[in-house]
Amino acid sequence: MDEKKQRRMISNRESARRSRWRKKRHLENLTEELNQLKEENRELKNRLSWVLNKSHVVLRENERLTSEFVALWGRLSELNQISAAMQSQ
């Protein structure tokens, strides 16, 4: 009976050792994944910042072009009115 008990105790210790090893490996894998995700998150934030910056540049350029279009359209309307007035005379 003592021999059986001793074998069982050794088996339990070995099982506990394997369990601790698996837990350690799992924690190491999670830590590695966390570091990779942090790096990916940092890269995505940088890309987002770049895209937002470009978006603001494009929006400002669009506003400038829209303003220029309105001014040119108004000037064209004036010239058309002048041309129509000159033709009717």
C-alpha atoms as a PDB file:
ATOM      1  CA  MET A   1       0.000   0.000   0.000  1.00  0.00           C
ATOM      2  CA  ASP A   2       2.843   2.417   0.847  1.00  0.00           C
ATOM      3  CA  GLU A   3       4.506   1.733  -2.490  1.00  0.00           C
ATOM      4  CA  LYS A   4       1.264   2.485  -4.323  1.00  0.00           C
ATOM      5  CA  LYS A   5       0.828   5.667  -2.250  1.00  0.00           C
ATOM      6  CA  GLN A   6       4.400   6.728  -3.003  1.00  0.00           C
ATOM      7  CA  ARG A   7       3.960   6.121  -6.768  1.00  0.00           C
ATOM      8  CA  ARG A   8       0.746   8.121  -6.670  1.00  0.00           C
ATOM      9  CA  MET A   9       2.486  10.960  -4.820  1.00  0.00           C
ATOM     10  CA  ILE A  10       5.316  10.996  -7.387  1.00  0.00           C
ATOM     11  CA  SER A  11       2.770  10.946 -10.201  1.00  0.00           C
ATOM     12  CA  ASN A  12       0.884  13.852  -8.610  1.00  0.00           C
ATOM     13  CA  ARG A  13       4.094  15.848  -8.218  1.00  0.00           C
ATOM     14  CA  GLU A  14       4.987  15.217 -11.855  1.00  0.00           C
ATOM     15  CA  SER A  15       1.478  16.198 -12.935  1.00  0.00           C
ATOM     16  CA  ALA A  16       1.698  19.401 -10.860  1.00  0.00           C
ATOM     17  CA  ARG A  17       5.124  20.155 -12.365  1.00  0.00           C
ATOM     18  CA  ARG A  18       3.721  19.723 -15.904  1.00  0.00           C
ATOM     19  CA  SER A  19       0.733  21.874 -14.973  1.00  0.00           C
ATOM     20  CA  ARG A  20       3.013  24.665 -13.686  1.00  0.00           C
ATOM     21  CA  TRP A  21       5.109  24.392 -16.852  1.00  0.00           C
ATOM     22  CA  ARG A  22       2.000  24.637 -19.080  1.00  0.00           C
ATOM     23  CA  LYS A  23       0.754  27.622 -17.052  1.00  0.00           C
ATOM     24  CA  LYS A  24       4.156  29.316 -17.395  1.00  0.00           C
ATOM     25  CA  ARG A  25       4.248  28.700 -21.165  1.00  0.00           C
ATOM     26  CA  HIS A  26       0.670  29.985 -21.491  1.00  0.00           C
ATOM     27  CA  LEU A  27       1.579  33.148 -19.569  1.00  0.00           C
ATOM     28  CA  GLU A  28       4.671  33.637 -21.761  1.00  0.00           C
ATOM     29  CA  ASN A  29       2.544  33.212 -24.892  1.00  0.00           C
ATOM     30  CA  LEU A  30      -0.016  35.712 -23.614  1.00  0.00           C
ATOM     31  CA  THR A  31       2.752  38.181 -22.757  1.00  0.00           C
ATOM     32  CA  GLU A  32       4.229  37.804 -26.237  1.00  0.00           C
ATOM     33  CA  GLU A  33       0.808  38.266 -27.830  1.00  0.00           C
ATOM     34  CA  LEU A  34       0.199  41.339 -25.650  1.00  0.00           C
ATOM     35  CA  ASN A  35       3.491  42.873 -26.804  1.00  0.00           C
ATOM     36  CA  GLN A  36       2.654  42.163 -30.446  1.00  0.00           C
ATOM     37  CA  LEU A  37      -0.813  43.687 -30.054  1.00  0.00           C
ATOM     38  CA  LYS A  38       0.648  46.764 -28.352  1.00  0.00           C
ATOM     39  CA  GLU A  39       3.043  47.218 -31.268  1.00  0.00           C
ATOM     40  CA  GLU A  40       0.239  46.735 -33.801  1.00  0.00           C
ATOM     41  CA  ASN A  41      -1.894  49.216 -31.878  1.00  0.00           C
ATOM     42  CA  ARG A  42       0.956  51.755 -31.901  1.00  0.00           C
ATOM     43  CA  GLU A  43       1.384  51.311 -35.669  1.00  0.00           C
ATOM     44  CA  LEU A  44      -2.365  51.665 -36.264  1.00  0.00           C
ATOM     45  CA  LYS A  45      -2.462  54.832 -34.159  1.00  0.00           C
ATOM     46  CA  ASN A  46       0.402  56.248 -36.214  1.00  0.00           C
ATOM     47  CA  ARG A  47      -1.384  55.373 -39.450  1.00  0.00           C
ATOM     48  CA  LEU A  48      -4.626  56.884 -38.168  1.00  0.00           C
ATOM     49  CA  SER A  49      -2.805  60.063 -37.204  1.00  0.00           C
ATOM     50  CA  TRP A  50      -1.252  60.260 -40.676  1.00  0.00           C
ATOM     51  CA  VAL A  51      -4.623  59.667 -42.384  1.00  0.00           C
ATOM     52  CA  LEU A  52      -6.338  62.282 -40.214  1.00  0.00           C
ATOM     53  CA  ASN A  53      -3.592  64.775 -40.993  1.00  0.00           C
ATOM     54  CA  LYS A  54      -3.921  64.091 -44.734  1.00  0.00           C
ATOM     55  CA  SER A  55      -7.690  64.362 -44.417  1.00  0.00           C
ATOM     56  CA  HIS A  56      -7.387  67.816 -42.844  1.00  0.00           C
ATOM     57  CA  VAL A  57      -5.008  68.897 -45.606  1.00  0.00           C
ATOM     58  CA  VAL A  58      -7.439  67.673 -48.274  1.00  0.00           C
ATOM     59  CA  LEU A  59     -10.395  69.341 -46.544  1.00  0.00           C
ATOM     60  CA  ARG A  60      -8.563  72.678 -46.389  1.00  0.00           C
ATOM     61  CA  GLU A  61      -7.610  72.348 -50.062  1.00  0.00           C
ATOM     62  CA  ASN A  62     -11.213  71.494 -50.920  1.00  0.00           C
ATOM     63  CA  GLU A  63     -12.444  74.562 -49.030  1.00  0.00           C
ATOM     64  CA  ARG A  64      -9.920  76.724 -50.861  1.00  0.00           C
ATOM     65  CA  LEU A  65     -10.929  75.306 -54.251  1.00  0.00           C
ATOM     66  CA  THR A  66     -14.634  75.691 -53.454  1.00  0.00           C
ATOM     67  CA  SER A  67     -14.068  79.319 -52.515  1.00  0.00           C
ATOM     68  CA  GLU A  68     -12.069  79.861 -55.701  1.00  0.00           C
ATOM     69  CA  PHE A  69     -14.829  78.192 -57.728  1.00  0.00           C
ATOM     70  CA  VAL A  70     -17.496  80.450 -56.206  1.00  0.00           C
ATOM     71  CA  ALA A  71     -15.392  83.540 -56.945  1.00  0.00           C
ATOM     72  CA  LEU A  72     -14.723  82.437 -60.525  1.00  0.00           C
ATOM     73  CA  TRP A  73     -18.369  81.506 -61.061  1.00  0.00           C
ATOM     74  CA  GLY A  74     -19.405  84.949 -59.854  1.00  0.00           C
ATOM     75  CA  ARG A  75     -16.853  86.584 -62.140  1.00  0.00           C
ATOM     76  CA  LEU A  76     -18.091  84.475 -65.088  1.00  0.00           C
ATOM     77  CA  SER A  77     -21.665  85.525 -64.348  1.00  0.00           C
ATOM     78  CA  GLU A  78     -20.590  89.168 -64.356  1.00  0.00           C
ATOM     79  CA  LEU A  79     -18.785  88.717 -67.668  1.00  0.00           C
ATOM     80  CA  ASN A  80     -21.818  86.974 -69.172  1.00  0.00           C
ATOM     81  CA  GLN A  81     -24.042  89.863 -68.065  1.00  0.00           C
ATOM     82  CA  ILE A  82     -21.616  92.387 -69.559  1.00  0.00           C
ATOM     83  CA  SER A  83     -21.422  90.373 -72.779  1.00  0.00           C
ATOM     84  CA  ALA A  84     -25.226  90.111 -72.985  1.00  0.00           C
ATOM     85  CA  ALA A  85     -25.597  93.854 -72.344  1.00  0.00           C
ATOM     86  CA  MET A  86     -23.038  94.640 -75.071  1.00  0.00           C
ATOM     87  CA  GLN A  87     -24.777  92.340 -77.563  1.00  0.00           C
ATOM     88  CA  SER A  88     -28.173  93.866 -76.891  1.00  0.00           C
ATOM     89  CA  GLN A  89     -26.910  97.352 -77.683  1.00  0.00           C
END
